[in-house]
Amino acid sequence: MKKLSVLILMVLTVLFISAGCSNTAAGKKSKAEYVLRLGHLQTETHPYHKGALKFKELVEKKSNGRIQIDIFPSSQLGNGRDQIEGAQIGSIHFHIGSVAPVTNFAPQFNVLNLPYLFESREQAFRVLDGEIGQQISANLPNRGLMNLGYMENGWRHMTNNVRTFKTAKDAAGLKIRVQESPPYISFVKALGSTPVPVPFGELYTALEQHVVDGQENPLAQIYLNKFHEVQKYLTLTYHNYDAAVFIMSKTTFDTLPKDLQKVITESSKEAIQYERKVALEDEKTLLDNLRKSDIEIEEHPDLDSLREAVKPVYKEFQDSIGKDLLEKIEKLKQP
């Protein structure tokens, strides 16, 4: 019965995306042959949204209006896992988001959630845009998904409401919100903190009501979601370069004609490069804005103490991720 329900939903989805004059997000009729929905969790000022807008512009232009992209920011289509599950069956056609939720569908993505995996953006790009990035995504089609490439969520940092955080020891005893990702949970435990999974859409309230003491996210999430208003301390830990997956429903992709499939793949590559550039520019502005706010910023913490403290995380995951993969990534630290 469950398989039959999924099949019916997939058929209805194909009919929906193929129908001309489909309803758009604004409730208006569209003349496009395909009306596709793109969701993400962030605000309309976040680099994700700017990348999505560029993708929409490119696709609609290159397809001569045959494809229309409707964008749904701010978790309108559910949390990260909800949106990925929607992409599996084709009820959502694109999702831009953090890697962590994808590990529920393709565990090999856990490698990208390890702390201090990359020492620079350049190393990250060499990994993500090359053979390793393809290797990590290889099993997604078996789950009804495909990764169009990696956008950028930026370097992740830590905030809290309890104390100035300069060394690894300062994290001890804090309750830190984490994504539901084993490496992130182990990372926080390695610092002597307590990991508390909280959906992103509920995080501001959790911080405000002291359900958790702190959280870790890139500057864009911290500032644009106003976490600095309910947090006293920010530490620039640079503990993870957060690559953002650009997921597409394989069910949807397979329904498109070859020429429109090409439009999607070409446009995604251009939009990814655009979003990365925007994210880098925004990061500098966001840090300046945070410096002007009331949050106290530790810009030069003892990163060596943090790297040393989280070494057990690598031992925990090296067998499931593969020592050979970790060695390949290590070799790409230098061009």
Protein backbone atom coordinates (compact mmCIF):
# COMPACT_ATOMS: atom_id res chain seq x y z
CA MET A 1 0.00 0.00 0.00
CA LYS A 2 2.85 2.38 0.88
CA LYS A 3 4.59 1.68 -2.45
CA LEU A 4 1.31 2.30 -4.30
CA SER A 5 0.84 5.64 -2.52
CA VAL A 6 4.36 6.74 -3.43
CA LEU A 7 3.80 5.70 -7.05
CA ILE A 8 0.55 7.68 -7.23
CA LEU A 9 2.29 10.74 -5.76
CA MET A 10 5.11 10.45 -8.29
CA VAL A 11 2.62 10.28 -11.17
CA LEU A 12 0.76 13.30 -9.85
CA THR A 13 4.06 15.15 -9.50
CA VAL A 14 4.98 14.46 -13.12
CA LEU A 15 1.57 15.72 -14.22
CA PHE A 16 2.03 18.80 -12.06
CA ILE A 17 5.42 19.82 -13.36
CA SER A 18 4.51 19.01 -16.96
CA ALA A 19 1.29 20.94 -17.08
CA GLY A 20 1.31 24.30 -18.81
CA CYS A 21 -0.58 27.04 -16.99
CA SER A 22 0.33 25.50 -13.60
CA ASN A 23 -0.27 27.59 -10.50
CA THR A 24 2.77 29.54 -9.32
CA ALA A 25 3.77 30.43 -5.76
CA ALA A 26 1.89 33.70 -6.10
CA GLY A 27 -1.30 31.94 -7.20
CA LYS A 28 -1.08 33.22 -10.78
CA LYS A 29 -1.25 31.14 -13.93
CA SER A 30 1.98 30.36 -15.76
CA LYS A 31 2.55 29.77 -19.46
CA ALA A 32 5.66 27.70 -18.74
CA GLU A 33 5.67 24.02 -19.65
CA TYR A 34 7.37 23.17 -16.35
CA VAL A 35 6.87 24.99 -13.04
CA LEU A 36 9.48 23.78 -10.56
CA ARG A 37 9.79 24.53 -6.84
CA LEU A 38 13.09 25.35 -5.13
CA GLY A 39 13.25 25.45 -1.34
CA HIS A 40 15.82 26.45 1.27
CA LEU A 41 15.81 27.28 4.98
CA GLN A 42 17.34 30.75 4.98
CA THR A 43 16.12 34.32 4.64
CA GLU A 44 15.80 36.25 1.38
CA THR A 45 19.03 38.14 2.17
CA HIS A 46 21.10 34.94 2.56
CA PRO A 47 23.56 33.86 -0.18
CA TYR A 48 21.43 30.74 -0.75
CA HIS A 49 18.57 32.92 -1.88
CA LYS A 50 20.80 35.06 -4.07
CA GLY A 51 22.16 31.89 -5.68
CA ALA A 52 18.62 30.60 -6.16
CA LEU A 53 17.57 33.85 -7.84
CA LYS A 54 20.55 33.63 -10.21
CA PHE A 55 19.62 30.01 -11.01
CA LYS A 56 16.02 31.06 -11.69
CA GLU A 57 17.19 33.88 -13.97
CA LEU A 58 19.52 31.60 -15.94
CA VAL A 59 17.09 28.70 -16.30
CA GLU A 60 14.17 30.83 -17.39
CA LYS A 61 16.32 32.70 -19.91
CA LYS A 62 18.11 29.65 -21.33
CA SER A 63 14.86 27.70 -21.61
CA ASN A 64 13.09 30.61 -23.34
CA GLY A 65 10.44 30.53 -20.64
CA ARG A 66 9.67 26.84 -20.93
CA ILE A 67 10.78 26.34 -17.32
CA GLN A 68 9.67 28.54 -14.44
CA ILE A 69 11.42 28.32 -11.07
CA ASP A 70 9.42 29.30 -7.97
CA ILE A 71 11.57 29.90 -4.87
CA PHE A 72 10.43 29.19 -1.31
CA PRO A 73 12.87 30.56 1.34
CA SER A 74 12.76 30.51 5.16
CA SER A 75 11.72 26.85 5.61
CA GLN A 76 8.39 27.40 3.84
CA LEU A 77 8.62 23.86 2.45
CA GLY A 78 9.72 22.31 5.76
CA ASN A 79 13.08 21.60 7.37
CA GLY A 80 16.09 20.24 5.51
CA ARG A 81 15.12 16.61 5.81
CA ASP A 82 11.52 17.37 4.81
CA GLN A 83 12.69 19.09 1.65
CA ILE A 84 15.10 16.31 0.69
CA GLU A 85 12.38 13.72 1.22
CA GLY A 86 10.13 15.86 -0.99
CA ALA A 87 12.83 15.88 -3.65
CA GLN A 88 13.01 12.08 -3.49
CA ILE A 89 9.42 11.76 -4.70
CA GLY A 90 9.40 14.91 -6.81
CA SER A 91 6.98 17.03 -4.79
CA ILE A 92 9.87 19.48 -4.31
CA HIS A 93 12.19 19.83 -7.26
CA PHE A 94 15.28 21.59 -5.86
CA HIS A 95 16.77 22.11 -2.40
CA ILE A 96 19.78 24.19 -1.34
CA GLY A 97 21.05 23.42 2.14
CA SER A 98 23.65 22.15 4.56
CA VAL A 99 25.21 18.75 4.04
CA ALA A 100 24.11 17.34 7.41
CA PRO A 101 20.52 16.34 6.47
CA VAL A 102 21.78 14.61 3.31
CA THR A 103 23.76 12.13 5.39
CA ASN A 104 20.45 10.46 6.29
CA PHE A 105 20.19 9.48 2.62
CA ALA A 106 23.87 9.11 1.68
CA PRO A 107 26.17 8.52 4.70
CA GLN A 108 29.33 9.20 2.67
CA PHE A 109 28.53 12.93 3.00
CA ASN A 110 29.57 12.64 6.67
CA VAL A 111 33.15 13.30 5.62
CA LEU A 112 32.25 16.93 4.89
CA ASN A 113 30.93 17.35 8.45
CA LEU A 114 34.24 16.50 10.11
CA PRO A 115 35.77 19.41 12.06
CA TYR A 116 38.79 21.15 10.56
CA LEU A 117 38.69 19.02 7.41
CA PHE A 118 39.67 21.95 5.18
CA GLU A 119 42.29 24.58 5.86
CA SER A 120 41.11 26.95 3.12
CA ARG A 121 38.30 27.62 0.66
CA GLU A 122 40.68 26.76 -2.16
CA GLN A 123 41.26 23.28 -0.76
CA ALA A 124 37.51 22.85 -0.31
CA PHE A 125 36.87 23.77 -3.94
CA ARG A 126 39.56 21.34 -5.17
CA VAL A 127 37.81 18.58 -3.24
CA LEU A 128 34.19 19.49 -3.95
CA ASP A 129 34.57 20.34 -7.65
CA GLY A 130 36.72 17.34 -8.47
CA GLU A 131 36.68 13.58 -8.35
CA ILE A 132 36.11 13.44 -4.58
CA GLY A 133 33.01 15.62 -4.75
CA GLN A 134 31.59 13.33 -7.42
CA GLN A 135 32.52 10.25 -5.39
CA ILE A 136 30.67 11.58 -2.34
CA SER A 137 27.52 12.20 -4.41
CA ALA A 138 27.68 8.96 -6.38
CA ASN A 139 24.98 7.06 -4.47
CA LEU A 140 22.36 9.83 -4.44
CA PRO A 141 20.65 8.72 -7.70
CA ASN A 142 19.88 5.40 -6.02
CA ARG A 143 17.82 7.41 -3.52
CA GLY A 144 15.97 9.42 -6.14
CA LEU A 145 18.26 12.44 -5.78
CA MET A 146 21.08 14.14 -7.63
CA ASN A 147 23.57 16.77 -6.52
CA LEU A 148 23.96 19.56 -9.05
CA GLY A 149 27.04 20.80 -7.20
CA TYR A 150 28.15 22.58 -4.05
CA MET A 151 27.24 26.12 -3.12
CA GLU A 152 28.68 27.73 -0.02
CA ASN A 153 27.32 28.23 3.47
CA GLY A 154 30.63 29.59 4.77
CA TRP A 155 32.85 28.85 7.75
CA ARG A 156 31.01 27.76 10.87
CA HIS A 157 31.64 29.51 14.20
CA MET A 158 30.36 29.12 17.76
CA THR A 159 28.25 31.40 19.95
CA ASN A 160 27.08 31.05 23.54
CA ASN A 161 25.45 32.92 26.41
CA VAL A 162 27.65 31.73 29.28
CA ARG A 163 31.27 32.80 28.89
CA THR A 164 34.02 34.08 26.66
CA PHE A 165 35.24 31.12 24.60
CA LYS A 166 38.95 31.29 23.73
CA THR A 167 40.29 27.74 24.17
CA ALA A 168 38.79 24.28 23.87
CA LYS A 169 38.45 24.08 27.66
CA ASP A 170 36.07 27.06 27.63
CA ALA A 171 33.44 24.96 25.83
CA ALA A 172 33.17 22.45 28.68
CA GLY A 173 29.70 22.10 30.15
CA LEU A 174 27.88 24.19 27.54
CA LYS A 175 24.66 22.97 25.94
CA ILE A 176 25.22 23.51 22.21
CA ARG A 177 22.57 23.16 19.52
CA VAL A 178 23.74 20.91 16.71
CA GLN A 179 22.38 19.54 13.47
CA GLU A 180 21.27 15.90 13.54
CA SER A 181 24.61 14.72 12.19
CA PRO A 182 26.88 12.19 13.94
CA PRO A 183 30.15 14.11 13.26
CA TYR A 184 28.67 17.37 14.60
CA ILE A 185 27.36 15.58 17.70
CA SER A 186 30.78 13.97 18.26
CA PHE A 187 32.53 17.31 17.66
CA VAL A 188 30.57 19.00 20.44
CA LYS A 189 31.09 16.05 22.79
CA ALA A 190 34.84 16.15 22.13
CA LEU A 191 34.85 19.73 23.44
CA GLY A 192 33.19 18.59 26.65
CA SER A 193 29.86 20.19 25.71
CA THR A 194 26.41 18.64 25.50
CA PRO A 195 24.99 18.42 21.96
CA VAL A 196 21.27 19.23 21.68
CA PRO A 197 19.59 18.69 18.27
CA VAL A 198 17.13 21.52 17.54
CA PRO A 199 15.43 22.20 14.16
CA PHE A 200 16.86 25.34 12.60
CA GLY A 201 13.46 27.03 12.45
CA GLU A 202 13.18 26.71 16.25
CA LEU A 203 16.72 27.75 17.09
CA TYR A 204 16.15 31.47 17.80
CA THR A 205 13.48 30.62 20.37
CA ALA A 206 15.65 27.90 21.90
CA LEU A 207 18.47 30.41 22.38
CA GLU A 208 16.15 33.12 23.68
CA GLN A 209 14.53 30.79 26.22
CA HIS A 210 17.90 29.24 27.22
CA VAL A 211 16.89 25.75 26.14
CA VAL A 212 20.47 25.69 24.82
CA ASP A 213 23.43 27.86 25.78
CA GLY A 214 24.79 28.25 22.29
CA GLN A 215 25.00 27.09 18.71
CA GLU A 216 27.40 26.87 15.76
CA ASN A 217 26.68 28.31 12.33
CA PRO A 218 28.18 30.50 9.61
CA LEU A 219 28.06 34.28 10.03
CA ALA A 220 25.21 34.57 7.53
CA GLN A 221 22.91 32.43 9.68
CA ILE A 222 24.05 34.12 12.89
CA TYR A 223 23.46 37.66 11.67
CA LEU A 224 20.54 37.32 9.26
CA ASN A 225 18.56 35.22 11.75
CA LYS A 226 19.45 37.66 14.53
CA PHE A 227 21.06 35.08 16.80
CA HIS A 228 23.42 37.83 17.96
CA GLU A 229 20.43 39.44 19.68
CA VAL A 230 20.03 36.43 21.99
CA GLN A 231 23.71 35.45 22.35
CA LYS A 232 26.46 37.24 24.28
CA TYR A 233 29.64 35.68 22.87
CA LEU A 234 30.84 34.79 19.38
CA THR A 235 34.06 32.86 18.77
CA LEU A 236 35.51 32.62 15.26
CA THR A 237 36.38 28.94 15.45
CA TYR A 238 36.38 28.19 11.70
CA HIS A 239 35.67 24.59 12.70
CA ASN A 240 33.94 23.57 9.50
CA TYR A 241 33.72 24.85 5.92
CA ASP A 242 30.01 24.28 5.33
CA ALA A 243 29.49 23.23 1.74
CA ALA A 244 25.87 23.55 0.64
CA VAL A 245 24.40 20.81 -1.53
CA PHE A 246 22.27 21.84 -4.51
CA ILE A 247 19.91 18.89 -4.61
CA MET A 248 17.53 18.11 -7.47
CA SER A 249 14.85 15.46 -7.67
CA LYS A 250 16.09 12.77 -10.07
CA THR A 251 12.43 11.91 -10.75
CA THR A 252 11.91 15.46 -11.98
CA PHE A 253 15.18 15.60 -13.94
CA ASP A 254 14.32 12.39 -15.76
CA THR A 255 10.96 13.79 -16.91
CA LEU A 256 12.62 16.74 -18.67
CA PRO A 257 13.63 16.66 -22.35
CA LYS A 258 17.37 16.40 -23.01
CA ASP A 259 17.68 20.04 -24.03
CA LEU A 260 16.10 21.22 -20.77
CA GLN A 261 18.25 18.84 -18.73
CA LYS A 262 21.23 20.60 -20.28
CA VAL A 263 19.73 23.97 -19.31
CA ILE A 264 19.46 22.81 -15.69
CA THR A 265 23.02 21.46 -15.46
CA GLU A 266 24.61 24.46 -17.19
CA SER A 267 22.62 26.98 -15.17
CA SER A 268 23.42 25.26 -11.89
CA LYS A 269 27.17 25.48 -12.56
CA GLU A 270 26.93 29.21 -13.26
CA ALA A 271 24.68 29.83 -10.25
CA ILE A 272 27.07 27.96 -7.95
CA GLN A 273 30.03 30.14 -8.94
CA TYR A 274 27.90 33.25 -8.50
CA GLU A 275 26.66 32.18 -5.05
CA ARG A 276 30.19 31.42 -3.84
CA LYS A 277 31.35 34.87 -4.86
CA VAL A 278 28.40 36.51 -3.14
CA ALA A 279 28.92 34.42 0.01
CA LEU A 280 32.56 35.50 0.29
CA GLU A 281 31.67 39.17 -0.19
CA ASP A 282 28.80 38.95 2.29
CA GLU A 283 30.95 37.26 4.94
CA LYS A 284 33.20 40.32 5.23
CA THR A 285 30.21 42.65 5.55
CA LEU A 286 28.47 40.40 8.07
CA LEU A 287 31.52 40.30 10.34
CA ASP A 288 31.72 44.10 10.26
CA ASN A 289 28.02 44.29 11.16
CA LEU A 290 28.51 41.88 14.06
CA ARG A 291 31.45 43.94 15.32
CA LYS A 292 29.03 46.88 15.58
CA SER A 293 26.47 44.85 17.52
CA ASP A 294 26.41 44.08 21.26
CA ILE A 295 27.82 40.57 20.90
CA GLU A 296 31.39 40.12 22.19
CA ILE A 297 33.64 38.59 19.52
CA GLU A 298 36.74 36.48 20.13
CA GLU A 299 38.47 36.81 16.76
CA HIS A 300 41.68 34.98 17.64
CA PRO A 301 40.91 31.90 19.72
CA ASP A 302 43.42 29.13 20.32
CA LEU A 303 42.62 27.05 17.23
CA ASP A 304 45.42 24.59 17.99
CA SER A 305 43.69 23.61 21.22
CA LEU A 306 40.45 23.08 19.32
CA ARG A 307 42.08 20.95 16.63
CA GLU A 308 43.78 18.84 19.28
CA ALA A 309 40.55 18.37 21.24
CA VAL A 310 38.60 17.08 18.26
CA LYS A 311 41.15 14.50 17.02
CA PRO A 312 39.07 11.65 18.53
CA VAL A 313 36.29 12.51 16.07
CA TYR A 314 38.52 11.38 13.20
CA LYS A 315 39.34 8.12 14.94
CA GLU A 316 35.62 7.52 15.47
CA PHE A 317 34.70 7.96 11.81
CA GLN A 318 37.81 6.96 9.87
CA ASP A 319 36.62 3.38 9.32
CA SER A 320 33.10 4.26 8.16
CA ILE A 321 34.32 7.15 5.97
CA GLY A 322 37.49 5.46 4.78
CA LYS A 323 41.13 6.29 5.49
CA ASP A 324 41.83 6.46 1.76
CA LEU A 325 39.27 9.23 1.28
CA LEU A 326 40.68 11.23 4.18
CA GLU A 327 44.18 10.83 2.77
CA LYS A 328 43.03 12.08 -0.66
CA ILE A 329 41.54 15.18 0.96
CA GLU A 330 44.70 15.76 2.98
CA LYS A 331 46.82 15.67 -0.18
CA LEU A 332 44.71 18.46 -1.69
CA LYS A 333 45.67 20.96 0.99
CA GLN A 334 48.31 22.24 -1.40
CA PRO A 335 47.64 22.75 -5.15
